[in-house]
Amino acid sequence: LAVIDWEEWRPLWDRNWGRKRVYQTLSVSHAQ
């Protein structure tokens, strides 16, 4: 079994709530 444990962000935008909302904020700044 090969298990990748990456939990800091989720690949769907709308699922990045709570402390993960920072990835939305940084992404908006990047696009701007």
PDB file of all heavy atoms in Angstrom:
ATOM      1  N   LEU A   1       0.839  -1.190   0.000  1.00  0.00           N
ATOM      2  CA  LEU A   1       0.000   0.000   0.000  1.00  0.00           C
ATOM      3  C   LEU A   1       0.879   1.246   0.000  1.00  0.00           C
ATOM      4  O   LEU A   1       1.853   1.322   0.755  1.00  0.00           O
ATOM      5  CB  LEU A   1      -0.900   0.011   1.236  1.00  0.00           C
ATOM      6  CG  LEU A   1      -1.704  -1.269   1.526  1.00  0.00           C
ATOM      7  CD1 LEU A   1      -2.506  -1.109   2.808  1.00  0.00           C
ATOM      8  CD2 LEU A   1      -2.607  -1.616   0.352  1.00  0.00           C
ATOM      9  N   ALA A   2       0.533   2.214  -0.835  1.00  0.00           N
ATOM     10  CA  ALA A   2       1.258   3.480  -0.895  1.00  0.00           C
ATOM     11  C   ALA A   2       0.256   4.602  -0.625  1.00  0.00           C
ATOM     12  O   ALA A   2      -0.646   4.845  -1.433  1.00  0.00           O
ATOM     13  CB  ALA A   2       1.921   3.659  -2.257  1.00  0.00           C
ATOM     14  N   VAL A   3       0.423   5.268   0.505  1.00  0.00           N
ATOM     15  CA  VAL A   3      -0.546   6.260   0.967  1.00  0.00           C
ATOM     16  C   VAL A   3       0.116   7.633   1.017  1.00  0.00           C
ATOM     17  O   VAL A   3       1.114   7.826   1.721  1.00  0.00           O
ATOM     18  CB  VAL A   3      -1.084   5.898   2.362  1.00  0.00           C
ATOM     19  CG1 VAL A   3      -2.195   6.863   2.761  1.00  0.00           C
ATOM     20  CG2 VAL A   3      -1.587   4.462   2.383  1.00  0.00           C
ATOM     21  N   ILE A   4      -0.438   8.582   0.266  1.00  0.00           N
ATOM     22  CA  ILE A   4       0.064   9.959   0.278  1.00  0.00           C
ATOM     23  C   ILE A   4      -0.783  10.753   1.267  1.00  0.00           C
ATOM     24  O   ILE A   4      -1.998  10.874   1.100  1.00  0.00           O
ATOM     25  CB  ILE A   4      -0.006  10.593  -1.121  1.00  0.00           C
ATOM     26  CG1 ILE A   4       0.762   9.735  -2.138  1.00  0.00           C
ATOM     27  CG2 ILE A   4       0.559  12.010  -1.084  1.00  0.00           C
ATOM     28  CD1 ILE A   4       0.626  10.224  -3.568  1.00  0.00           C
ATOM     29  N   ASP A   5      -0.145  11.280   2.300  1.00  0.00           N
ATOM     30  CA  ASP A   5      -0.866  11.998   3.353  1.00  0.00           C
ATOM     31  C   ASP A   5      -0.561  13.487   3.261  1.00  0.00           C
ATOM     32  O   ASP A   5       0.338  13.991   3.922  1.00  0.00           O
ATOM     33  CB  ASP A   5      -0.469  11.442   4.728  1.00  0.00           C
ATOM     34  CG  ASP A   5      -1.275  12.076   5.847  1.00  0.00           C
ATOM     35  OD1 ASP A   5      -2.292  12.724   5.543  1.00  0.00           O
ATOM     36  OD2 ASP A   5      -0.886  11.926   7.019  1.00  0.00           O
ATOM     37  N   TRP A   6      -1.300  14.170   2.401  1.00  0.00           N
ATOM     38  CA  TRP A   6      -1.201  15.617   2.234  1.00  0.00           C
ATOM     39  C   TRP A   6      -2.514  16.234   2.689  1.00  0.00           C
ATOM     40  O   TRP A   6      -3.546  16.062   2.040  1.00  0.00           O
ATOM     41  CB  TRP A   6      -0.953  15.977   0.777  1.00  0.00           C
ATOM     42  CG  TRP A   6       0.408  15.606   0.261  1.00  0.00           C
ATOM     43  CD1 TRP A   6       1.443  15.071   0.961  1.00  0.00           C
ATOM     44  CD2 TRP A   6       0.871  15.762  -1.085  1.00  0.00           C
ATOM     45  NE1 TRP A   6       2.529  14.874   0.144  1.00  0.00           N
ATOM     46  CE2 TRP A   6       2.211  15.301  -1.127  1.00  0.00           C
ATOM     47  CE3 TRP A   6       0.306  16.249  -2.256  1.00  0.00           C
ATOM     48  CZ2 TRP A   6       2.973  15.306  -2.295  1.00  0.00           C
ATOM     49  CZ3 TRP A   6       1.056  16.257  -3.416  1.00  0.00           C
ATOM     50  CH2 TRP A   6       2.386  15.790  -3.432  1.00  0.00           C
ATOM     51  N   GLU A   7      -2.506  16.969   3.782  1.00  0.00           N
ATOM     52  CA  GLU A   7      -3.760  17.440   4.374  1.00  0.00           C
ATOM     53  C   GLU A   7      -3.884  18.957   4.471  1.00  0.00           C
ATOM     54  O   GLU A   7      -4.887  19.457   4.986  1.00  0.00           O
ATOM     55  CB  GLU A   7      -3.921  16.834   5.776  1.00  0.00           C
ATOM     56  CG  GLU A   7      -3.891  15.324   5.824  1.00  0.00           C
ATOM     57  CD  GLU A   7      -4.035  14.779   7.241  1.00  0.00           C
ATOM     58  OE1 GLU A   7      -4.903  15.287   7.977  1.00  0.00           O
ATOM     59  OE2 GLU A   7      -3.277  13.853   7.597  1.00  0.00           O
ATOM     60  N   GLU A   8      -2.894  19.709   3.961  1.00  0.00           N
ATOM     61  CA  GLU A   8      -2.919  21.161   4.180  1.00  0.00           C
ATOM     62  C   GLU A   8      -3.982  21.860   3.343  1.00  0.00           C
ATOM     63  O   GLU A   8      -4.577  22.842   3.764  1.00  0.00           O
ATOM     64  CB  GLU A   8      -1.534  21.758   3.908  1.00  0.00           C
ATOM     65  CG  GLU A   8      -0.446  21.244   4.843  1.00  0.00           C
ATOM     66  CD  GLU A   8      -0.837  21.394   6.300  1.00  0.00           C
ATOM     67  OE1 GLU A   8      -1.338  22.468   6.687  1.00  0.00           O
ATOM     68  OE2 GLU A   8      -0.649  20.428   7.078  1.00  0.00           O
ATOM     69  N   TRP A   9      -4.204  21.389   2.114  1.00  0.00           N
ATOM     70  CA  TRP A   9      -5.268  21.956   1.284  1.00  0.00           C
ATOM     71  C   TRP A   9      -6.009  20.841   0.567  1.00  0.00           C
ATOM     72  O   TRP A   9      -5.535  19.713   0.485  1.00  0.00           O
ATOM     73  CB  TRP A   9      -4.732  22.969   0.263  1.00  0.00           C
ATOM     74  CG  TRP A   9      -3.501  22.549  -0.506  1.00  0.00           C
ATOM     75  CD1 TRP A   9      -2.211  22.902  -0.236  1.00  0.00           C
ATOM     76  CD2 TRP A   9      -3.449  21.709  -1.681  1.00  0.00           C
ATOM     77  NE1 TRP A   9      -1.347  22.330  -1.151  1.00  0.00           N
ATOM     78  CE2 TRP A   9      -2.082  21.592  -2.053  1.00  0.00           C
ATOM     79  CE3 TRP A   9      -4.396  21.045  -2.448  1.00  0.00           C
ATOM     80  CZ2 TRP A   9      -1.658  20.846  -3.152  1.00  0.00           C
ATOM     81  CZ3 TRP A   9      -3.978  20.297  -3.554  1.00  0.00           C
ATOM     82  CH2 TRP A   9      -2.619  20.215  -3.887  1.00  0.00           C
ATOM     83  N   ARG A  10      -7.213  21.171   0.098  1.00  0.00           N
ATOM     84  CA  ARG A  10      -8.026  20.206  -0.626  1.00  0.00           C
ATOM     85  C   ARG A  10      -8.146  20.656  -2.078  1.00  0.00           C
ATOM     86  O   ARG A  10      -8.200  21.861  -2.351  1.00  0.00           O
ATOM     87  CB  ARG A  10      -9.408  20.076   0.024  1.00  0.00           C
ATOM     88  CG  ARG A  10      -9.330  19.679   1.503  1.00  0.00           C
ATOM     89  CD  ARG A  10     -10.719  19.454   2.098  1.00  0.00           C
ATOM     90  NE  ARG A  10     -10.635  19.127   3.523  1.00  0.00           N
ATOM     91  CZ  ARG A  10     -10.938  19.956   4.500  1.00  0.00           C
ATOM     92  NH1 ARG A  10     -11.363  21.192   4.224  1.00  0.00           N
ATOM     93  NH2 ARG A  10     -10.833  19.588   5.758  1.00  0.00           N
ATOM     94  N   PRO A  11      -8.208  19.730  -3.026  1.00  0.00           N
ATOM     95  CA  PRO A  11      -8.155  20.097  -4.444  1.00  0.00           C
ATOM     96  C   PRO A  11      -9.390  20.834  -4.957  1.00  0.00           C
ATOM     97  O   PRO A  11      -9.328  21.465  -6.012  1.00  0.00           O
ATOM     98  CB  PRO A  11      -7.987  18.753  -5.154  1.00  0.00           C
ATOM     99  CG  PRO A  11      -8.545  17.740  -4.204  1.00  0.00           C
ATOM    100  CD  PRO A  11      -8.208  18.267  -2.843  1.00  0.00           C
ATOM    101  N   LEU A  12     -10.513  20.764  -4.241  1.00  0.00           N
ATOM    102  CA  LEU A  12     -11.690  21.534  -4.619  1.00  0.00           C
ATOM    103  C   LEU A  12     -11.705  22.847  -3.843  1.00  0.00           C
ATOM    104  O   LEU A  12     -11.601  22.863  -2.616  1.00  0.00           O
ATOM    105  CB  LEU A  12     -12.971  20.749  -4.340  1.00  0.00           C
ATOM    106  CG  LEU A  12     -13.258  19.545  -5.255  1.00  0.00           C
ATOM    107  CD1 LEU A  12     -14.584  18.907  -4.878  1.00  0.00           C
ATOM    108  CD2 LEU A  12     -13.262  19.948  -6.725  1.00  0.00           C
ATOM    109  N   TRP A  13     -11.852  23.942  -4.552  1.00  0.00           N
ATOM    110  CA  TRP A  13     -11.808  25.285  -3.978  1.00  0.00           C
ATOM    111  C   TRP A  13     -12.766  25.440  -2.799  1.00  0.00           C
ATOM    112  O   TRP A  13     -12.391  25.939  -1.743  1.00  0.00           O
ATOM    113  CB  TRP A  13     -12.158  26.276  -5.085  1.00  0.00           C
ATOM    114  CG  TRP A  13     -12.235  27.714  -4.703  1.00  0.00           C
ATOM    115  CD1 TRP A  13     -13.341  28.403  -4.281  1.00  0.00           C
ATOM    116  CD2 TRP A  13     -11.164  28.667  -4.725  1.00  0.00           C
ATOM    117  NE1 TRP A  13     -13.043  29.718  -4.040  1.00  0.00           N
ATOM    118  CE2 TRP A  13     -11.699  29.912  -4.322  1.00  0.00           C
ATOM    119  CE3 TRP A  13      -9.821  28.610  -5.058  1.00  0.00           C
ATOM    120  CZ2 TRP A  13     -10.951  31.062  -4.229  1.00  0.00           C
ATOM    121  CZ3 TRP A  13      -9.048  29.766  -4.983  1.00  0.00           C
ATOM    122  CH2 TRP A  13      -9.608  30.970  -4.557  1.00  0.00           C
ATOM    123  N   ASP A  14     -13.995  25.001  -2.981  1.00  0.00           N
ATOM    124  CA  ASP A  14     -15.032  25.222  -1.969  1.00  0.00           C
ATOM    125  C   ASP A  14     -14.816  24.406  -0.699  1.00  0.00           C
ATOM    126  O   ASP A  14     -15.493  24.651   0.311  1.00  0.00           O
ATOM    127  CB  ASP A  14     -16.411  24.903  -2.548  1.00  0.00           C
ATOM    128  CG  ASP A  14     -16.820  25.872  -3.643  1.00  0.00           C
ATOM    129  OD1 ASP A  14     -16.276  26.997  -3.654  1.00  0.00           O
ATOM    130  OD2 ASP A  14     -17.662  25.517  -4.485  1.00  0.00           O
ATOM    131  N   ARG A  15     -13.923  23.449  -0.725  1.00  0.00           N
ATOM    132  CA  ARG A  15     -13.674  22.633   0.464  1.00  0.00           C
ATOM    133  C   ARG A  15     -12.534  23.180   1.323  1.00  0.00           C
ATOM    134  O   ARG A  15     -12.164  22.576   2.323  1.00  0.00           O
ATOM    135  CB  ARG A  15     -13.383  21.184   0.073  1.00  0.00           C
ATOM    136  CG  ARG A  15     -14.631  20.430  -0.373  1.00  0.00           C
ATOM    137  CD  ARG A  15     -14.371  18.976  -0.628  1.00  0.00           C
ATOM    138  NE  ARG A  15     -15.613  18.247  -0.903  1.00  0.00           N
ATOM    139  CZ  ARG A  15     -15.688  16.959  -1.227  1.00  0.00           C
ATOM    140  NH1 ARG A  15     -14.564  16.248  -1.323  1.00  0.00           N
ATOM    141  NH2 ARG A  15     -16.847  16.389  -1.460  1.00  0.00           N
ATOM    142  N   ASN A  16     -12.002  24.310   0.932  1.00  0.00           N
ATOM    143  CA  ASN A  16     -10.933  24.923   1.722  1.00  0.00           C
ATOM    144  C   ASN A  16     -11.525  25.979   2.653  1.00  0.00           C
ATOM    145  O   ASN A  16     -11.438  27.179   2.431  1.00  0.00           O
ATOM    146  CB  ASN A  16      -9.868  25.526   0.804  1.00  0.00           C
ATOM    147  CG  ASN A  16      -9.040  24.468   0.117  1.00  0.00           C
ATOM    148  OD1 ASN A  16      -8.226  23.797   0.735  1.00  0.00           O
ATOM    149  ND2 ASN A  16      -9.286  24.288  -1.176  1.00  0.00           N
ATOM    150  N   TRP A  17     -12.174  25.475   3.724  1.00  0.00           N
ATOM    151  CA  TRP A  17     -12.776  26.358   4.706  1.00  0.00           C
ATOM    152  C   TRP A  17     -11.876  26.428   5.942  1.00  0.00           C
ATOM    153  O   TRP A  17     -10.835  25.778   6.021  1.00  0.00           O
ATOM    154  CB  TRP A  17     -14.173  25.853   5.080  1.00  0.00           C
ATOM    155  CG  TRP A  17     -14.210  24.423   5.537  1.00  0.00           C
ATOM    156  CD1 TRP A  17     -13.728  23.913   6.702  1.00  0.00           C
ATOM    157  CD2 TRP A  17     -14.743  23.312   4.813  1.00  0.00           C
ATOM    158  NE1 TRP A  17     -13.940  22.566   6.761  1.00  0.00           N
ATOM    159  CE2 TRP A  17     -14.566  22.169   5.615  1.00  0.00           C
ATOM    160  CE3 TRP A  17     -15.381  23.174   3.576  1.00  0.00           C
ATOM    161  CZ2 TRP A  17     -14.982  20.898   5.223  1.00  0.00           C
ATOM    162  CZ3 TRP A  17     -15.792  21.918   3.194  1.00  0.00           C
ATOM    163  CH2 TRP A  17     -15.600  20.790   3.996  1.00  0.00           C
ATOM    164  N   GLY A  18     -12.297  27.241   6.903  1.00  0.00           N
ATOM    165  CA  GLY A  18     -11.535  27.363   8.149  1.00  0.00           C
ATOM    166  C   GLY A  18     -10.127  27.868   7.902  1.00  0.00           C
ATOM    167  O   GLY A  18      -9.915  28.804   7.131  1.00  0.00           O
ATOM    168  N   ARG A  19      -9.165  27.238   8.540  1.00  0.00           N
ATOM    169  CA  ARG A  19      -7.772  27.688   8.397  1.00  0.00           C
ATOM    170  C   ARG A  19      -7.227  27.421   6.994  1.00  0.00           C
ATOM    171  O   ARG A  19      -6.185  27.970   6.620  1.00  0.00           O
ATOM    172  CB  ARG A  19      -6.881  27.023   9.443  1.00  0.00           C
ATOM    173  CG  ARG A  19      -6.656  25.535   9.266  1.00  0.00           C
ATOM    174  CD  ARG A  19      -5.669  24.999  10.297  1.00  0.00           C
ATOM    175  NE  ARG A  19      -5.390  23.576  10.127  1.00  0.00           N
ATOM    176  CZ  ARG A  19      -4.466  23.103   9.284  1.00  0.00           C
ATOM    177  NH1 ARG A  19      -3.757  23.924   8.540  1.00  0.00           N
ATOM    178  NH2 ARG A  19      -4.256  21.800   9.198  1.00  0.00           N
ATOM    179  N   LYS A  20      -7.912  26.580   6.226  1.00  0.00           N
ATOM    180  CA  LYS A  20      -7.479  26.310   4.858  1.00  0.00           C
ATOM    181  C   LYS A  20      -7.884  27.431   3.883  1.00  0.00           C
ATOM    182  O   LYS A  20      -7.483  27.414   2.725  1.00  0.00           O
ATOM    183  CB  LYS A  20      -8.049  24.970   4.371  1.00  0.00           C
ATOM    184  CG  LYS A  20      -7.451  23.754   5.059  1.00  0.00           C
ATOM    185  CD  LYS A  20      -8.069  22.474   4.552  1.00  0.00           C
ATOM    186  CE  LYS A  20      -7.335  21.241   5.068  1.00  0.00           C
ATOM    187  NZ  LYS A  20      -7.190  21.191   6.528  1.00  0.00           N
ATOM    188  N   ARG A  21      -8.668  28.387   4.349  1.00  0.00           N
ATOM    189  CA  ARG A  21      -9.088  29.487   3.482  1.00  0.00           C
ATOM    190  C   ARG A  21      -7.898  30.339   3.037  1.00  0.00           C
ATOM    191  O   ARG A  21      -7.994  31.100   2.070  1.00  0.00           O
ATOM    192  CB  ARG A  21     -10.117  30.359   4.210  1.00  0.00           C
ATOM    193  CG  ARG A  21     -10.999  31.158   3.254  1.00  0.00           C
ATOM    194  CD  ARG A  21     -12.104  31.890   4.019  1.00  0.00           C
ATOM    195  NE  ARG A  21     -13.006  30.972   4.666  1.00  0.00           N
ATOM    196  CZ  ARG A  21     -14.019  30.360   4.051  1.00  0.00           C
ATOM    197  NH1 ARG A  21     -14.211  30.571   2.757  1.00  0.00           N
ATOM    198  NH2 ARG A  21     -14.812  29.555   4.714  1.00  0.00           N
ATOM    199  N   VAL A  22      -6.770  30.189   3.729  1.00  0.00           N
ATOM    200  CA  VAL A  22      -5.573  30.930   3.334  1.00  0.00           C
ATOM    201  C   VAL A  22      -5.162  30.596   1.896  1.00  0.00           C
ATOM    202  O   VAL A  22      -4.610  31.450   1.189  1.00  0.00           O
ATOM    203  CB  VAL A  22      -4.402  30.632   4.316  1.00  0.00           C
ATOM    204  CG1 VAL A  22      -3.990  29.164   4.258  1.00  0.00           C
ATOM    205  CG2 VAL A  22      -3.205  31.513   4.020  1.00  0.00           C
ATOM    206  N   TYR A  23      -5.481  29.388   1.440  1.00  0.00           N
ATOM    207  CA  TYR A  23      -5.120  29.007   0.072  1.00  0.00           C
ATOM    208  C   TYR A  23      -5.994  29.720  -0.951  1.00  0.00           C
ATOM    209  O   TYR A  23      -5.556  29.989  -2.076  1.00  0.00           O
ATOM    210  CB  TYR A  23      -5.211  27.489  -0.081  1.00  0.00           C
ATOM    211  CG  TYR A  23      -4.175  26.791   0.768  1.00  0.00           C
ATOM    212  CD1 TYR A  23      -4.507  26.280   2.024  1.00  0.00           C
ATOM    213  CD2 TYR A  23      -2.857  26.698   0.346  1.00  0.00           C
ATOM    214  CE1 TYR A  23      -3.540  25.675   2.829  1.00  0.00           C
ATOM    215  CE2 TYR A  23      -1.890  26.102   1.136  1.00  0.00           C
ATOM    216  CZ  TYR A  23      -2.238  25.594   2.383  1.00  0.00           C
ATOM    217  OH  TYR A  23      -1.275  25.013   3.168  1.00  0.00           O
ATOM    218  N   GLN A  24      -7.212  30.058  -0.567  1.00  0.00           N
ATOM    219  CA  GLN A  24      -8.045  30.877  -1.439  1.00  0.00           C
ATOM    220  C   GLN A  24      -7.505  32.303  -1.486  1.00  0.00           C
ATOM    221  O   GLN A  24      -7.401  32.908  -2.569  1.00  0.00           O
ATOM    222  CB  GLN A  24      -9.492  30.870  -0.941  1.00  0.00           C
ATOM    223  CG  GLN A  24     -10.173  29.512  -1.000  1.00  0.00           C
ATOM    224  CD  GLN A  24     -11.610  29.562  -0.506  1.00  0.00           C
ATOM    225  OE1 GLN A  24     -12.055  30.582   0.033  1.00  0.00           O
ATOM    226  NE2 GLN A  24     -12.337  28.470  -0.664  1.00  0.00           N
ATOM    227  N   THR A  25      -7.144  32.829  -0.334  1.00  0.00           N
ATOM    228  CA  THR A  25      -6.621  34.192  -0.262  1.00  0.00           C
ATOM    229  C   THR A  25      -5.349  34.340  -1.076  1.00  0.00           C
ATOM    230  O   THR A  25      -5.196  35.291  -1.865  1.00  0.00           O
ATOM    231  CB  THR A  25      -6.348  34.576   1.204  1.00  0.00           C
ATOM    232  OG1 THR A  25      -7.552  34.449   1.965  1.00  0.00           O
ATOM    233  CG2 THR A  25      -5.829  35.998   1.306  1.00  0.00           C
ATOM    234  N   LEU A  26      -4.415  33.398  -0.910  1.00  0.00           N
ATOM    235  CA  LEU A  26      -3.160  33.456  -1.663  1.00  0.00           C
ATOM    236  C   LEU A  26      -3.398  33.270  -3.155  1.00  0.00           C
ATOM    237  O   LEU A  26      -2.710  33.880  -3.991  1.00  0.00           O
ATOM    238  CB  LEU A  26      -2.200  32.384  -1.154  1.00  0.00           C
ATOM    239  CG  LEU A  26      -1.627  32.595   0.256  1.00  0.00           C
ATOM    240  CD1 LEU A  26      -0.807  31.379   0.693  1.00  0.00           C
ATOM    241  CD2 LEU A  26      -0.759  33.850   0.290  1.00  0.00           C
ATOM    242  N   SER A  27      -4.358  32.448  -3.512  1.00  0.00           N
ATOM    243  CA  SER A  27      -4.653  32.223  -4.928  1.00  0.00           C
ATOM    244  C   SER A  27      -5.253  33.462  -5.570  1.00  0.00           C
ATOM    245  O   SER A  27      -4.952  33.788  -6.729  1.00  0.00           O
ATOM    246  CB  SER A  27      -5.618  31.042  -5.077  1.00  0.00           C
ATOM    247  OG  SER A  27      -5.018  29.837  -4.675  1.00  0.00           O
ATOM    248  N   VAL A  28      -6.111  34.166  -4.843  1.00  0.00           N
ATOM    249  CA  VAL A  28      -6.683  35.412  -5.360  1.00  0.00           C
ATOM    250  C   VAL A  28      -5.583  36.446  -5.569  1.00  0.00           C
ATOM    251  O   VAL A  28      -5.535  37.135  -6.595  1.00  0.00           O
ATOM    252  CB  VAL A  28      -7.767  35.941  -4.400  1.00  0.00           C
ATOM    253  CG1 VAL A  28      -8.173  37.373  -4.783  1.00  0.00           C
ATOM    254  CG2 VAL A  28      -8.986  35.028  -4.421  1.00  0.00           C
ATOM    255  N   SER A  29      -4.671  36.564  -4.607  1.00  0.00           N
ATOM    256  CA  SER A  29      -3.551  37.508  -4.741  1.00  0.00           C
ATOM    257  C   SER A  29      -2.686  37.149  -5.938  1.00  0.00           C
ATOM    258  O   SER A  29      -2.233  38.032  -6.686  1.00  0.00           O
ATOM    259  CB  SER A  29      -2.711  37.511  -3.464  1.00  0.00           C
ATOM    260  OG  SER A  29      -3.474  37.944  -2.354  1.00  0.00           O
ATOM    261  N   HIS A  30      -2.447  35.859  -6.124  1.00  0.00           N
ATOM    262  CA  HIS A  30      -1.640  35.394  -7.259  1.00  0.00           C
ATOM    263  C   HIS A  30      -2.304  35.747  -8.580  1.00  0.00           C
ATOM    264  O   HIS A  30      -1.637  36.241  -9.519  1.00  0.00           O
ATOM    265  CB  HIS A  30      -1.448  33.885  -7.153  1.00  0.00           C
ATOM    266  CG  HIS A  30      -0.685  33.285  -8.285  1.00  0.00           C
ATOM    267  ND1 HIS A  30       0.655  33.533  -8.513  1.00  0.00           N
ATOM    268  CD2 HIS A  30      -1.080  32.428  -9.282  1.00  0.00           C
ATOM    269  CE1 HIS A  30       1.060  32.865  -9.583  1.00  0.00           C
ATOM    270  NE2 HIS A  30       0.021  32.191 -10.067  1.00  0.00           N
ATOM    271  N   ALA A  31      -3.607  35.522  -8.687  1.00  0.00           N
ATOM    272  CA  ALA A  31      -4.334  35.840  -9.931  1.00  0.00           C
ATOM    273  C   ALA A  31      -4.368  37.350 -10.162  1.00  0.00           C
ATOM    274  O   ALA A  31      -4.269  37.813 -11.308  1.00  0.00           O
ATOM    275  CB  ALA A  31      -5.747  35.270  -9.864  1.00  0.00           C
ATOM    276  N   GLN A  32      -4.510  38.133  -9.088  1.00  0.00           N
ATOM    277  CA  GLN A  32      -4.546  39.589  -9.209  1.00  0.00           C
ATOM    278  C   GLN A  32      -3.221  40.135  -9.719  1.00  0.00           C
ATOM    279  O   GLN A  32      -3.187  41.055 -10.554  1.00  0.00           O
ATOM    280  CB  GLN A  32      -4.877  40.209  -7.849  1.00  0.00           C
ATOM    281  CG  GLN A  32      -5.079  41.731  -7.880  1.00  0.00           C
ATOM    282  CD  GLN A  32      -6.415  42.105  -8.492  1.00  0.00           C
ATOM    283  OE1 GLN A  32      -7.458  41.788  -7.936  1.00  0.00           O
ATOM    284  NE2 GLN A  32      -6.403  42.772  -9.642  1.00  0.00           N
TER     285      GLN A  32
END
